[in-house]
């Protein structure tokens, strides 16, 4: 495998280490602000009493759907 990575790195004019960093970055991209906001929402909903979570998720999805319709 190292030889394959070395060939690709050479063809891209990069070191093996730099090539590995590119591959890792593609596999594990940074979270976007949207990802952070969605995680925040999930954490907040998770703190609610179990019997309220389904209704809150439905509200979140409905609002997202409305926003999507506003932008298309």
N, C-alpha and C. Protein backbone atom coordinates (compact mmCIF):
# COMPACT_ATOMS: atom_id res chain seq x y z
N UNK A 1 0.83 -1.19 0.00
CA UNK A 1 0.00 0.00 0.00
C UNK A 1 0.88 1.25 0.00
N UNK A 2 1.97 1.20 0.75
CA UNK A 2 2.85 2.37 0.79
C UNK A 2 3.34 2.72 -0.61
N UNK A 3 3.66 1.70 -1.40
CA UNK A 3 4.14 1.96 -2.77
C UNK A 3 3.06 2.63 -3.62
N UNK A 4 1.81 2.21 -3.44
CA UNK A 4 0.72 2.85 -4.20
C UNK A 4 0.57 4.30 -3.79
N UNK A 5 0.62 4.56 -2.49
CA UNK A 5 0.51 5.94 -2.02
C UNK A 5 1.69 6.77 -2.53
N UNK A 6 2.88 6.17 -2.51
CA UNK A 6 4.08 6.87 -3.00
C UNK A 6 3.93 7.25 -4.47
N UNK A 7 3.41 6.31 -5.29
CA UNK A 7 3.21 6.61 -6.72
C UNK A 7 2.23 7.77 -6.91
N UNK A 8 1.14 7.74 -6.18
CA UNK A 8 0.14 8.81 -6.29
C UNK A 8 0.73 10.12 -5.79
N UNK A 9 1.44 10.06 -4.68
CA UNK A 9 2.07 11.28 -4.14
C UNK A 9 3.04 11.87 -5.16
N UNK A 10 3.85 11.02 -5.76
CA UNK A 10 4.80 11.49 -6.77
C UNK A 10 4.08 12.13 -7.95
N UNK A 11 3.00 11.50 -8.39
CA UNK A 11 2.27 12.05 -9.53
C UNK A 11 1.61 13.39 -9.21
N UNK A 12 1.35 13.62 -7.91
CA UNK A 12 0.75 14.89 -7.48
C UNK A 12 1.79 15.88 -6.96
N UNK A 13 3.06 15.52 -7.12
CA UNK A 13 4.17 16.36 -6.65
C UNK A 13 4.06 16.67 -5.16
N UNK A 14 3.72 15.62 -4.39
CA UNK A 14 3.61 15.77 -2.94
C UNK A 14 4.44 14.69 -2.27
N UNK A 15 4.77 14.94 -1.00
CA UNK A 15 5.41 13.89 -0.20
C UNK A 15 4.34 12.87 0.19
N UNK A 16 4.78 11.71 0.64
CA UNK A 16 3.82 10.70 1.11
C UNK A 16 3.00 11.27 2.25
N UNK A 17 3.64 11.97 3.16
CA UNK A 17 2.93 12.56 4.29
C UNK A 17 1.86 13.55 3.82
N UNK A 18 2.24 14.41 2.88
CA UNK A 18 1.27 15.39 2.36
C UNK A 18 0.11 14.68 1.66
N UNK A 19 0.41 13.62 0.94
CA UNK A 19 -0.64 12.85 0.25
C UNK A 19 -1.58 12.22 1.28
N UNK A 20 -1.03 11.68 2.33
CA UNK A 20 -1.85 11.09 3.38
C UNK A 20 -2.75 12.14 4.04
N UNK A 21 -2.22 13.34 4.24
CA UNK A 21 -3.03 14.41 4.82
C UNK A 21 -4.19 14.79 3.90
N UNK A 22 -3.95 14.82 2.60
CA UNK A 22 -5.02 15.10 1.64
C UNK A 22 -6.09 14.02 1.72
N UNK A 23 -5.66 12.77 1.76
CA UNK A 23 -6.62 11.66 1.84
C UNK A 23 -7.42 11.71 3.14
N UNK A 24 -6.75 12.00 4.24
CA UNK A 24 -7.45 12.09 5.52
C UNK A 24 -8.43 13.26 5.53
N UNK A 25 -8.04 14.37 4.93
CA UNK A 25 -8.93 15.53 4.89
C UNK A 25 -10.18 15.23 4.07
N UNK A 26 -10.02 14.47 3.01
CA UNK A 26 -11.19 14.09 2.19
C UNK A 26 -12.09 13.13 2.95
N UNK A 27 -11.49 12.25 3.73
CA UNK A 27 -12.26 11.25 4.47
C UNK A 27 -12.92 11.85 5.70
N UNK A 28 -12.23 12.78 6.35
CA UNK A 28 -12.73 13.38 7.59
C UNK A 28 -12.74 14.91 7.45
N UNK A 29 -13.66 15.43 6.63
CA UNK A 29 -13.70 16.88 6.43
C UNK A 29 -14.11 17.61 7.71
N UNK A 30 -13.73 18.86 7.79
CA UNK A 30 -14.13 19.67 8.93
C UNK A 30 -15.64 19.83 8.93
N UNK A 31 -16.18 19.90 10.14
CA UNK A 31 -17.61 20.15 10.23
C UNK A 31 -17.91 21.57 9.78
N UNK A 32 -19.04 21.73 9.17
CA UNK A 32 -19.47 23.06 8.75
C UNK A 32 -20.28 23.69 9.88
N UNK A 33 -20.56 24.95 9.74
CA UNK A 33 -21.42 25.63 10.73
C UNK A 33 -22.77 24.92 10.81
N UNK A 34 -23.27 24.47 9.66
CA UNK A 34 -24.55 23.77 9.67
C UNK A 34 -24.47 22.52 10.53
N UNK A 35 -23.39 21.76 10.39
CA UNK A 35 -23.21 20.56 11.22
C UNK A 35 -23.22 20.93 12.70
N UNK A 36 -22.54 22.02 13.03
CA UNK A 36 -22.49 22.46 14.42
C UNK A 36 -23.88 22.84 14.93
N UNK A 37 -24.63 23.56 14.11
CA UNK A 37 -25.98 23.97 14.52
C UNK A 37 -26.90 22.77 14.67
N UNK A 38 -26.80 21.82 13.76
CA UNK A 38 -27.64 20.63 13.85
C UNK A 38 -27.29 19.82 15.10
N UNK A 39 -26.00 19.75 15.42
CA UNK A 39 -25.59 19.06 16.64
C UNK A 39 -26.14 19.77 17.86
N UNK A 40 -26.12 21.11 17.85
CA UNK A 40 -26.68 21.88 18.96
C UNK A 40 -28.17 21.59 19.13
N UNK A 41 -28.89 21.55 18.01
CA UNK A 41 -30.33 21.26 18.06
C UNK A 41 -30.55 19.87 18.64
N UNK A 42 -29.79 18.89 18.16
CA UNK A 42 -29.94 17.52 18.64
C UNK A 42 -29.68 17.43 20.14
N UNK A 43 -28.67 18.14 20.62
CA UNK A 43 -28.37 18.12 22.05
C UNK A 43 -29.49 18.76 22.86
N UNK A 44 -30.04 19.87 22.35
CA UNK A 44 -31.14 20.54 23.05
C UNK A 44 -32.38 19.65 23.10
N UNK A 45 -32.71 19.05 21.97
CA UNK A 45 -33.89 18.17 21.94
C UNK A 45 -33.67 16.98 22.86
N UNK A 46 -32.44 16.48 22.89
CA UNK A 46 -32.14 15.35 23.76
C UNK A 46 -32.32 15.64 25.24
N UNK A 47 -32.26 16.90 25.62
CA UNK A 47 -32.45 17.29 27.02
C UNK A 47 -33.92 17.41 27.41
N UNK A 48 -34.79 17.42 26.42
CA UNK A 48 -36.22 17.52 26.71
C UNK A 48 -36.76 16.21 27.25
N UNK A 49 -37.89 16.28 27.96
CA UNK A 49 -38.53 15.03 28.38
C UNK A 49 -38.86 14.18 27.16
N UNK A 50 -38.72 12.89 27.30
CA UNK A 50 -38.89 11.96 26.17
C UNK A 50 -40.23 12.15 25.46
N UNK A 51 -41.28 12.44 26.22
CA UNK A 51 -42.61 12.55 25.60
C UNK A 51 -42.76 13.80 24.73
N UNK A 52 -41.85 14.75 24.84
CA UNK A 52 -41.94 15.98 24.04
C UNK A 52 -41.03 15.95 22.81
N UNK A 53 -40.07 15.03 22.78
CA UNK A 53 -39.05 15.04 21.72
C UNK A 53 -39.63 14.86 20.33
N UNK A 54 -40.55 13.93 20.16
CA UNK A 54 -41.11 13.67 18.82
C UNK A 54 -41.79 14.92 18.27
N UNK A 55 -42.56 15.62 19.10
CA UNK A 55 -43.23 16.84 18.66
C UNK A 55 -42.23 17.93 18.29
N UNK A 56 -41.17 18.05 19.10
CA UNK A 56 -40.16 19.08 18.81
C UNK A 56 -39.44 18.75 17.51
N UNK A 57 -39.07 17.47 17.32
CA UNK A 57 -38.42 17.10 16.05
C UNK A 57 -39.34 17.38 14.86
N UNK A 58 -40.61 17.10 15.02
CA UNK A 58 -41.56 17.37 13.93
C UNK A 58 -41.58 18.87 13.62
N UNK A 59 -41.55 19.69 14.64
CA UNK A 59 -41.51 21.14 14.46
C UNK A 59 -40.23 21.56 13.75
N UNK A 60 -39.11 21.00 14.16
CA UNK A 60 -37.83 21.32 13.52
C UNK A 60 -37.88 20.94 12.04
N UNK A 61 -38.33 19.73 11.75
CA UNK A 61 -38.40 19.29 10.35
C UNK A 61 -39.36 20.13 9.53
N UNK A 62 -40.50 20.48 10.12
CA UNK A 62 -41.46 21.33 9.41
C UNK A 62 -40.85 22.69 9.09
N UNK A 63 -40.13 23.25 10.05
CA UNK A 63 -39.50 24.56 9.83
C UNK A 63 -38.41 24.48 8.76
N UNK A 64 -37.61 23.43 8.80
CA UNK A 64 -36.59 23.23 7.78
C UNK A 64 -37.22 23.09 6.39
N UNK A 65 -38.32 22.34 6.33
CA UNK A 65 -39.02 22.16 5.06
C UNK A 65 -39.55 23.50 4.56
N UNK A 66 -40.10 24.31 5.46
CA UNK A 66 -40.61 25.63 5.06
C UNK A 66 -39.47 26.51 4.56
N UNK A 67 -38.33 26.47 5.23
CA UNK A 67 -37.19 27.27 4.79
C UNK A 67 -36.69 26.80 3.42
N UNK A 68 -36.69 25.49 3.22
CA UNK A 68 -36.26 24.95 1.93
C UNK A 68 -37.20 25.42 0.82
N UNK A 69 -38.48 25.44 1.10
CA UNK A 69 -39.45 25.89 0.10
C UNK A 69 -39.30 27.38 -0.19
N UNK A 70 -38.88 28.15 0.81
CA UNK A 70 -38.68 29.59 0.61
C UNK A 70 -37.48 29.88 -0.30
N UNK A 71 -36.52 28.98 -0.31
CA UNK A 71 -35.29 29.21 -1.06
C UNK A 71 -35.27 28.54 -2.43
N UNK A 72 -36.33 27.82 -2.78
CA UNK A 72 -36.35 27.16 -4.10
C UNK A 72 -37.32 27.83 -5.02
